[in-house]
C-alpha atoms as a PDB file:
ATOM      1  CA  MET A   1      57.050-154.085  34.881  1.00  0.00           C
ATOM      2  CA  THR A   2      55.421-153.726  31.430  1.00  0.00           C
ATOM      3  CA  ASP A   3      58.028-153.573  28.672  1.00  0.00           C
ATOM      4  CA  PHE A   4      57.184-151.178  25.867  1.00  0.00           C
ATOM      5  CA  ARG A   5      60.544-151.288  24.072  1.00  0.00           C
ATOM      6  CA  PRO A   6      60.222-151.821  20.219  1.00  0.00           C
ATOM      7  CA  LEU A   7      60.201-155.692  19.261  1.00  0.00           C
ATOM      8  CA  VAL A   8      62.325-156.181  16.308  1.00  0.00           C
ATOM      9  CA  LEU A   9      62.808-159.411  14.350  1.00  0.00           C
ATOM     10  CA  LEU A  10      66.325-159.904  12.773  1.00  0.00           C
ATOM     11  CA  VAL A  11      66.528-162.005   9.866  1.00  0.00           C
ATOM     12  CA  GLU A  12      70.262-162.706   9.327  1.00  0.00           C
ATOM     13  CA  ASP A  13      71.752-166.090   8.556  1.00  0.00           C
ATOM     14  CA  GLU A  14      75.541-164.990   9.138  1.00  0.00           C
ATOM     15  CA  PRO A  15      76.604-165.470  12.941  1.00  0.00           C
ATOM     16  CA  GLN A  16      79.041-162.635  13.130  1.00  0.00           C
ATOM     17  CA  MET A  17      76.301-160.152  11.675  1.00  0.00           C
ATOM     18  CA  ARG A  18      73.789-161.512  14.130  1.00  0.00           C
ATOM     19  CA  ARG A  19      76.239-161.022  16.891  1.00  0.00           C
ATOM     20  CA  PHE A  20      77.075-157.457  16.037  1.00  0.00           C
ATOM     21  CA  MET A  21      73.102-156.598  15.528  1.00  0.00           C
ATOM     22  CA  ARG A  22      72.273-158.192  18.590  1.00  0.00           C
ATOM     23  CA  ALA A  23      74.662-156.097  20.714  1.00  0.00           C
ATOM     24  CA  THR A  24      73.991-152.769  18.806  1.00  0.00           C
ATOM     25  CA  LEU A  25      70.220-153.316  19.089  1.00  0.00           C
ATOM     26  CA  THR A  26      69.891-154.390  22.571  1.00  0.00           C
ATOM     27  CA  SER A  27      72.297-151.617  23.803  1.00  0.00           C
ATOM     28  CA  HIS A  28      69.850-149.172  22.219  1.00  0.00           C
ATOM     29  CA  GLY A  29      66.938-150.163  23.766  1.00  0.00           C
ATOM     30  CA  TYR A  30      65.173-152.552  21.571  1.00  0.00           C
ATOM     31  CA  ARG A  31      63.786-156.274  22.150  1.00  0.00           C
ATOM     32  CA  LEU A  32      65.045-158.728  19.741  1.00  0.00           C
ATOM     33  CA  LEU A  33      63.900-161.884  17.878  1.00  0.00           C
ATOM     34  CA  GLU A  34      66.442-163.841  15.753  1.00  0.00           C
ATOM     35  CA  ALA A  35      65.703-165.883  12.566  1.00  0.00           C
ATOM     36  CA  GLY A  36      68.582-167.484  10.546  1.00  0.00           C
ATOM     37  CA  THR A  37      65.972-168.800   7.918  1.00  0.00           C
ATOM     38  CA  SER A  38      63.116-167.987   5.740  1.00  0.00           C
ATOM     39  CA  ALA A  39      60.932-170.376   7.527  1.00  0.00           C
ATOM     40  CA  GLU A  40      62.119-169.516  11.188  1.00  0.00           C
ATOM     41  CA  ALA A  41      61.175-165.869  10.389  1.00  0.00           C
ATOM     42  CA  LEU A  42      57.694-166.622   9.096  1.00  0.00           C
ATOM     43  CA  MET A  43      57.049-168.581  12.222  1.00  0.00           C
ATOM     44  CA  LEU A  44      58.652-165.758  14.389  1.00  0.00           C
ATOM     45  CA  ALA A  45      56.781-163.013  12.551  1.00  0.00           C
ATOM     46  CA  SER A  46      53.607-165.048  12.799  1.00  0.00           C
ATOM     47  CA  THR A  47      53.618-165.707  16.450  1.00  0.00           C
ATOM     48  CA  HIS A  48      55.212-162.647  17.744  1.00  0.00           C
ATOM     49  CA  ASN A  49      53.789-159.908  15.603  1.00  0.00           C
ATOM     50  CA  PRO A  50      56.863-157.754  15.931  1.00  0.00           C
ATOM     51  CA  GLU A  51      56.896-153.824  15.336  1.00  0.00           C
ATOM     52  CA  LEU A  52      59.873-153.813  12.819  1.00  0.00           C
ATOM     53  CA  LEU A  53      61.538-156.511  10.558  1.00  0.00           C
ATOM     54  CA  LEU A  54      65.314-156.211   9.718  1.00  0.00           C
ATOM     55  CA  LEU A  55      65.853-158.732   6.847  1.00  0.00           C
ATOM     56  CA  ASP A  56      68.947-160.116   5.053  1.00  0.00           C
ATOM     57  CA  LEU A  57      68.049-161.097   1.488  1.00  0.00           C
ATOM     58  CA  GLY A  58      70.414-164.191   0.954  1.00  0.00           C
ATOM     59  CA  LEU A  59      68.822-166.905   3.314  1.00  0.00           C
ATOM     60  CA  PRO A  60      69.780-170.525   2.995  1.00  0.00           C
ATOM     61  CA  ASP A  61      66.020-171.738   2.372  1.00  0.00           C
ATOM     62  CA  GLY A  62      64.782-168.850   0.242  1.00  0.00           C
ATOM     63  CA  ASP A  63      65.324-165.377  -0.914  1.00  0.00           C
ATOM     64  CA  GLY A  64      64.473-162.419   1.456  1.00  0.00           C
ATOM     65  CA  ILE A  65      62.252-160.681  -1.543  1.00  0.00           C
ATOM     66  CA  ASP A  66      60.168-163.660  -1.586  1.00  0.00           C
ATOM     67  CA  LEU A  67      59.782-163.773   2.468  1.00  0.00           C
ATOM     68  CA  THR A  68      58.883-160.102   2.142  1.00  0.00           C
ATOM     69  CA  ARG A  69      55.940-160.913  -0.166  1.00  0.00           C
ATOM     70  CA  ARG A  70      54.635-163.636   2.159  1.00  0.00           C
ATOM     71  CA  ILE A  71      54.865-161.345   5.187  1.00  0.00           C
ATOM     72  CA  ARG A  72      53.023-158.600   3.248  1.00  0.00           C
ATOM     73  CA  GLU A  73      50.040-160.936   2.620  1.00  0.00           C
ATOM     74  CA  TRP A  74      49.076-160.452   6.434  1.00  0.00           C
ATOM     75  CA  GLY A  75      51.437-158.289   7.870  1.00  0.00           C
ATOM     76  CA  ARG A  76      51.813-154.438   8.043  1.00  0.00           C
ATOM     77  CA  MET A  77      55.030-154.016  10.151  1.00  0.00           C
ATOM     78  CA  PRO A  78      57.762-151.993   8.617  1.00  0.00           C
ATOM     79  CA  VAL A  79      60.612-153.981   6.637  1.00  0.00           C
ATOM     80  CA  ILE A  80      64.066-152.843   6.116  1.00  0.00           C
ATOM     81  CA  VAL A  81      66.157-154.640   4.136  1.00  0.00           C
ATOM     82  CA  ILE A  82      69.754-154.908   5.209  1.00  0.00           C
ATOM     83  CA  SER A  83      71.757-156.410   2.486  1.00  0.00           C
ATOM     84  CA  ALA A  84      75.215-156.927   0.576  1.00  0.00           C
ATOM     85  CA  ARG A  85      73.330-156.668  -2.786  1.00  0.00           C
ATOM     86  CA  GLY A  86      73.758-153.122  -3.985  1.00  0.00           C
ATOM     87  CA  ARG A  87      72.508-153.226  -7.378  1.00  0.00           C
ATOM     88  CA  GLU A  88      69.410-150.778  -8.326  1.00  0.00           C
ATOM     89  CA  ASP A  89      67.337-153.673  -9.560  1.00  0.00           C
ATOM     90  CA  ASP A  90      67.681-155.671  -6.330  1.00  0.00           C
ATOM     91  CA  LYS A  91      66.677-152.327  -4.474  1.00  0.00           C
ATOM     92  CA  VAL A  92      63.491-151.897  -6.585  1.00  0.00           C
ATOM     93  CA  ALA A  93      62.502-155.532  -6.417  1.00  0.00           C
ATOM     94  CA  ALA A  94      62.651-155.330  -2.395  1.00  0.00           C
ATOM     95  CA  LEU A  95      60.812-152.043  -2.349  1.00  0.00           C
ATOM     96  CA  ASP A  96      58.257-153.511  -4.914  1.00  0.00           C
ATOM     97  CA  ALA A  97      57.705-156.888  -2.753  1.00  0.00           C
ATOM     98  CA  GLY A  98      56.644-154.321   0.216  1.00  0.00           C
ATOM     99  CA  ALA A  99      60.062-153.592   1.994  1.00  0.00           C
ATOM    100  CA  ASP A 100      59.961-150.014   3.420  1.00  0.00           C
ATOM    101  CA  ASP A 101      63.618-149.127   3.166  1.00  0.00           C
ATOM    102  CA  TYR A 102      66.800-150.812   1.943  1.00  0.00           C
ATOM    103  CA  LEU A 103      70.294-150.417   3.402  1.00  0.00           C
ATOM    104  CA  THR A 104      73.143-151.644   1.737  1.00  0.00           C
ATOM    105  CA  LYS A 105      76.212-153.644   3.740  1.00  0.00           C
ATOM    106  CA  PRO A 106      78.497-152.244   5.104  1.00  0.00           C
ATOM    107  CA  PHE A 107      76.602-149.641   6.807  1.00  0.00           C
ATOM    108  CA  GLY A 108      77.253-147.100   9.853  1.00  0.00           C
ATOM    109  CA  VAL A 109      75.251-147.881  13.219  1.00  0.00           C
ATOM    110  CA  ASN A 110      73.801-144.386  13.456  1.00  0.00           C
ATOM    111  CA  GLU A 111      72.385-144.706   9.878  1.00  0.00           C
ATOM    112  CA  LEU A 112      70.766-148.026  10.957  1.00  0.00           C
ATOM    113  CA  LEU A 113      69.162-146.649  14.109  1.00  0.00           C
ATOM    114  CA  ALA A 114      67.980-143.505  12.391  1.00  0.00           C
ATOM    115  CA  ARG A 115      66.287-145.542   9.629  1.00  0.00           C
ATOM    116  CA  MET A 116      64.651-147.769  12.341  1.00  0.00           C
ATOM    117  CA  ARG A 117      63.318-144.784  14.111  1.00  0.00           C
ATOM    118  CA  VAL A 118      61.727-143.289  11.046  1.00  0.00           C
ATOM    119  CA  ALA A 119      60.109-146.540  10.213  1.00  0.00           C
ATOM    120  CA  LEU A 120      58.517-146.940  13.353  1.00  0.00           C
ATOM    121  CA  ARG A 121      57.563-143.311  13.550  1.00  0.00           C
ATOM    122  CA  HIS A 122      56.118-143.595  10.258  1.00  0.00           C
ATOM    123  CA  ALA A 123      54.162-146.917  11.358  1.00  0.00           C
ATOM    124  CA  ALA A 124      52.744-145.133  14.693  1.00  0.00           C
ATOM    125  CA  ALA A 125      51.630-141.968  12.549  1.00  0.00           C
ATOM    126  CA  GLY A 126      50.190-143.975   9.731  1.00  0.00           C
ATOM    127  CA  VAL A 127      47.879-146.287  11.635  1.00  0.00           C
ATOM    128  CA  THR A 128      45.067-144.180  10.681  1.00  0.00           C
ATOM    129  CA  SER A 129      44.611-143.008   6.996  1.00  0.00           C
ATOM    130  CA  SER A 130      44.827-139.181   7.974  1.00  0.00           C
ATOM    131  CA  GLY A 131      48.172-139.847   9.667  1.00  0.00           C
ATOM    132  CA  VAL A 132      46.719-138.901  13.115  1.00  0.00           C
ATOM    133  CA  GLN A 133      49.083-139.254  15.955  1.00  0.00           C
ATOM    134  CA  THR A 134      46.749-139.277  18.765  1.00  0.00           C
ATOM    135  CA  ILE A 135      43.177-140.617  19.208  1.00  0.00           C
ATOM    136  CA  GLU A 136      40.734-139.294  21.435  1.00  0.00           C
ATOM    137  CA  ILE A 137      37.315-141.004  21.998  1.00  0.00           C
ATOM    138  CA  GLY A 138      35.214-139.912  25.152  1.00  0.00           C
ATOM    139  CA  GLU A 139      37.395-139.559  27.959  1.00  0.00           C
ATOM    140  CA  LEU A 140      40.171-141.680  26.491  1.00  0.00           C
ATOM    141  CA  ARG A 141      43.162-140.194  24.926  1.00  0.00           C
ATOM    142  CA  ILE A 142      45.684-142.294  23.077  1.00  0.00           C
ATOM    143  CA  ASP A 143      49.169-141.127  22.099  1.00  0.00           C
ATOM    144  CA  LEU A 144      50.221-143.251  19.199  1.00  0.00           C
ATOM    145  CA  VAL A 145      53.802-141.936  19.333  1.00  0.00           C
ATOM    146  CA  ARG A 146      54.548-142.027  22.891  1.00  0.00           C
ATOM    147  CA  ARG A 147      52.350-145.193  23.199  1.00  0.00           C
ATOM    148  CA  GLU A 148      50.439-143.674  26.264  1.00  0.00           C
ATOM    149  CA  VAL A 149      46.776-144.050  26.973  1.00  0.00           C
ATOM    150  CA  ARG A 150      44.997-141.497  29.519  1.00  0.00           C
ATOM    151  CA  LYS A 151      41.409-141.422  30.618  1.00  0.00           C
ATOM    152  CA  GLY A 152      40.235-138.235  32.134  1.00  0.00           C
ATOM    153  CA  GLY A 153      43.519-136.758  32.430  1.00  0.00           C
ATOM    154  CA  GLN A 154      45.085-139.966  34.180  1.00  0.00           C
ATOM    155  CA  ASP A 155      47.422-142.377  33.054  1.00  0.00           C
ATOM    156  CA  VAL A 156      46.062-145.810  32.293  1.00  0.00           C
ATOM    157  CA  HIS A 157      48.613-148.567  32.716  1.00  0.00           C
ATOM    158  CA  LEU A 158      48.083-151.456  29.937  1.00  0.00           C
ATOM    159  CA  THR A 159      50.087-154.572  29.118  1.00  0.00           C
ATOM    160  CA  PRO A 160      51.421-154.522  25.487  1.00  0.00           C
ATOM    161  CA  ILE A 161      48.664-156.969  24.218  1.00  0.00           C
ATOM    162  CA  GLU A 162      46.126-154.435  25.827  1.00  0.00           C
ATOM    163  CA  TYR A 163      47.625-151.711  24.174  1.00  0.00           C
ATOM    164  CA  LYS A 164      47.677-153.168  20.857  1.00  0.00           C
ATOM    165  CA  LEU A 165      43.990-154.347  21.486  1.00  0.00           C
ATOM    166  CA  LEU A 166      42.810-150.891  22.203  1.00  0.00           C
ATOM    167  CA  VAL A 167      44.389-149.118  19.379  1.00  0.00           C
ATOM    168  CA  LEU A 168      43.222-151.685  16.917  1.00  0.00           C
ATOM    169  CA  LEU A 169      39.650-150.890  18.082  1.00  0.00           C
ATOM    170  CA  ALA A 170      40.454-147.245  18.288  1.00  0.00           C
ATOM    171  CA  GLN A 171      41.715-147.075  14.760  1.00  0.00           C
ATOM    172  CA  ASN A 172      38.485-148.946  13.814  1.00  0.00           C
ATOM    173  CA  ALA A 173      35.939-146.736  16.147  1.00  0.00           C
ATOM    174  CA  GLY A 174      32.430-147.522  15.133  1.00  0.00           C
ATOM    175  CA  LYS A 175      33.373-150.812  13.031  1.00  0.00           C
ATOM    176  CA  VAL A 176      32.882-154.166  14.283  1.00  0.00           C
ATOM    177  CA  LEU A 177      35.829-156.444  14.365  1.00  0.00           C
ATOM    178  CA  THR A 178      35.474-160.061  14.141  1.00  0.00           C
ATOM    179  CA  HIS A 179      37.607-162.282  16.465  1.00  0.00           C
ATOM    180  CA  GLN A 180      39.911-163.698  13.747  1.00  0.00           C
ATOM    181  CA  HIS A 181      40.663-160.429  12.423  1.00  0.00           C
ATOM    182  CA  ILE A 182      41.516-159.123  16.048  1.00  0.00           C
ATOM    183  CA  LEU A 183      43.393-162.359  16.441  1.00  0.00           C
ATOM    184  CA  LYS A 184      45.571-161.900  13.487  1.00  0.00           C
ATOM    185  CA  GLU A 185      46.098-158.024  14.102  1.00  0.00           C
ATOM    186  CA  VAL A 186      47.352-158.418  17.728  1.00  0.00           C
ATOM    187  CA  TRP A 187      48.702-161.750  18.174  1.00  0.00           C
ATOM    188  CA  GLY A 188      49.396-162.720  14.669  1.00  0.00           C
ATOM    189  CA  PRO A 189      47.720-165.133  12.077  1.00  0.00           C
ATOM    190  CA  ALA A 190      49.006-168.451  13.939  1.00  0.00           C
ATOM    191  CA  TYR A 191      46.377-167.534  16.540  1.00  0.00           C
ATOM    192  CA  ALA A 192      43.581-166.966  14.344  1.00  0.00           C
ATOM    193  CA  ASN A 193      41.510-170.253  15.949  1.00  0.00           C
ATOM    194  CA  GLN A 194      42.093-169.051  19.615  1.00  0.00           C
ATOM    195  CA  PRO A 195      39.276-166.677  20.242  1.00  0.00           C
ATOM    196  CA  HIS A 196      39.404-167.126  23.916  1.00  0.00           C
ATOM    197  CA  TYR A 197      42.739-164.926  23.811  1.00  0.00           C
ATOM    198  CA  VAL A 198      40.499-162.040  22.831  1.00  0.00           C
ATOM    199  CA  ARG A 199      37.799-162.730  25.663  1.00  0.00           C
ATOM    200  CA  VAL A 200      40.281-162.861  28.292  1.00  0.00           C
ATOM    201  CA  HIS A 201      42.270-159.656  27.214  1.00  0.00           C
ATOM    202  CA  MET A 202      39.116-157.780  26.626  1.00  0.00           C
ATOM    203  CA  ALA A 203      37.906-158.283  30.014  1.00  0.00           C
ATOM    204  CA  GLU A 204      40.922-157.039  31.621  1.00  0.00           C
ATOM    205  CA  LEU A 205      40.988-153.981  29.361  1.00  0.00           C
ATOM    206  CA  ARG A 206      37.405-153.345  30.201  1.00  0.00           C
ATOM    207  CA  LYS A 207      38.406-153.138  33.885  1.00  0.00           C
ATOM    208  CA  LYS A 208      40.981-150.353  33.288  1.00  0.00           C
ATOM    209  CA  ILE A 209      38.628-148.538  30.718  1.00  0.00           C
ATOM    210  CA  GLU A 210      35.214-148.756  31.677  1.00  0.00           C
ATOM    211  CA  ALA A 211      33.513-147.243  34.577  1.00  0.00           C
ATOM    212  CA  ASN A 212      31.168-150.517  34.821  1.00  0.00           C
ATOM    213  CA  PRO A 213      33.088-153.134  33.386  1.00  0.00           C
ATOM    214  CA  ALA A 214      29.787-155.459  33.673  1.00  0.00           C
ATOM    215  CA  ARG A 215      28.171-152.844  31.578  1.00  0.00           C
ATOM    216  CA  PRO A 216      30.355-151.524  29.152  1.00  0.00           C
ATOM    217  CA  LYS A 217      29.657-148.232  27.446  1.00  0.00           C
ATOM    218  CA  TRP A 218      32.725-148.325  25.082  1.00  0.00           C
ATOM    219  CA  LEU A 219      34.151-151.596  24.436  1.00  0.00           C
ATOM    220  CA  VAL A 220      31.255-153.337  23.135  1.00  0.00           C
ATOM    221  CA  THR A 221      30.515-157.193  22.354  1.00  0.00           C
ATOM    222  CA  GLU A 222      28.745-158.198  19.183  1.00  0.00           C
ATOM    223  CA  PRO A 223      27.484-161.645  19.952  1.00  0.00           C
ATOM    224  CA  GLY A 224      29.216-164.295  18.078  1.00  0.00           C
ATOM    225  CA  VAL A 225      31.072-161.989  15.801  1.00  0.00           C
ATOM    226  CA  GLY A 226      33.541-159.980  17.583  1.00  0.00           C
ATOM    227  CA  TYR A 227      33.647-156.192  19.183  1.00  0.00           C
ATOM    228  CA  ARG A 228      33.485-152.674  18.607  1.00  0.00           C
ATOM    229  CA  LEU A 229      34.766-149.569  20.056  1.00  0.00           C
ATOM    230  CA  ARG A 230      31.783-146.906  20.123  1.00  0.00           C
ATOM    231  CA  ASP A 231      32.519-143.849  18.185  1.00  0.00           C
ATOM    232  CA  ARG A 232      32.181-140.344  19.604  1.00  0.00           C
ATOM    233  CA  SER A 233      28.531-139.915  18.645  1.00  0.00           C
ATOM    234  CA  ALA A 234      27.522-143.353  20.144  1.00  0.00           C
ATOM    235  CA  ASP A 235      24.814-143.034  22.820  1.00  0.00           C
ATOM    236  CA  ASP A 236      25.330-143.986  26.394  1.00  0.00           C
ATOM    237  CA  ALA A 237      23.388-147.268  26.120  1.00  0.00           C
ATOM    238  CA  GLY A 238      25.265-150.621  27.381  1.00  0.00           C
ATOM    239  CA  ALA A 239      26.430-153.540  25.557  1.00  0.00           C
END
C-alpha cells in the first residue's frame, strides 16, 4: 500500500530529544529519518529527498547553519531549526542561511506540529511561481495540497516516486527536463548518474496516464536529453 505520509528528516545528536521527537512525530502521522551528525544528515537528505528537515544547530561534526547552506545548494525542502540558541543573531543567521522557520527549545508539541503543517503547506502551495495549488493539463488534475491525481474525473493511484515525477514535469509543462535534473529533484543528488531510474518509472507512469503508453501524448521523450510534459496548447502528435 502506498504511503503518502510526509517524510521528515530529524537532525539531532541528543538521544533523549531524538526519542521524544520520534514518539511525537510518528504518533502524528509522519515518517521519520534520523541523523546525529552533519555528515549523516547530508547523506540522508541527498539519498531520500525528505519533504521537511528538523534541524538542531549544535552538531558534533559541524554547525547546523553551515549544514543548512550546503543543503540549500541543491535542496528546496522546508528547514525548521529547533535549537536551544535563542539569541536573535542565531535566528537571523539560520534564516539567512536558508532555514524557513526557527523554534527555540524548550517548545510545545502543538506549536511544533503547527509550524510543520505550515511549512509543508507553503511548500505545496509554492511549487509554482503563482502559488497555484492545483495543476490541470488536459484530462489530468493534480491537487498539490491533497497529493491527489485524477484523470478524466477518475482517481489515478501513483507511487510516491511516480507522484513526485509527475508533479515535477507538471510544474515545468512544456519545458525539457534533463535526466540529471529529474534525478536530482525526485531522487536526490546522490542518484544523478542513474538515468535508468527515470526510464523505469517513466514507463510505469505512462501506463497510468497515457491512453496508449507506446505512443504517449503527454509524457514526451526528448532523445538523449530527458523528458517533457506537453502543455495545454500542445498538438495531438505522439512522441
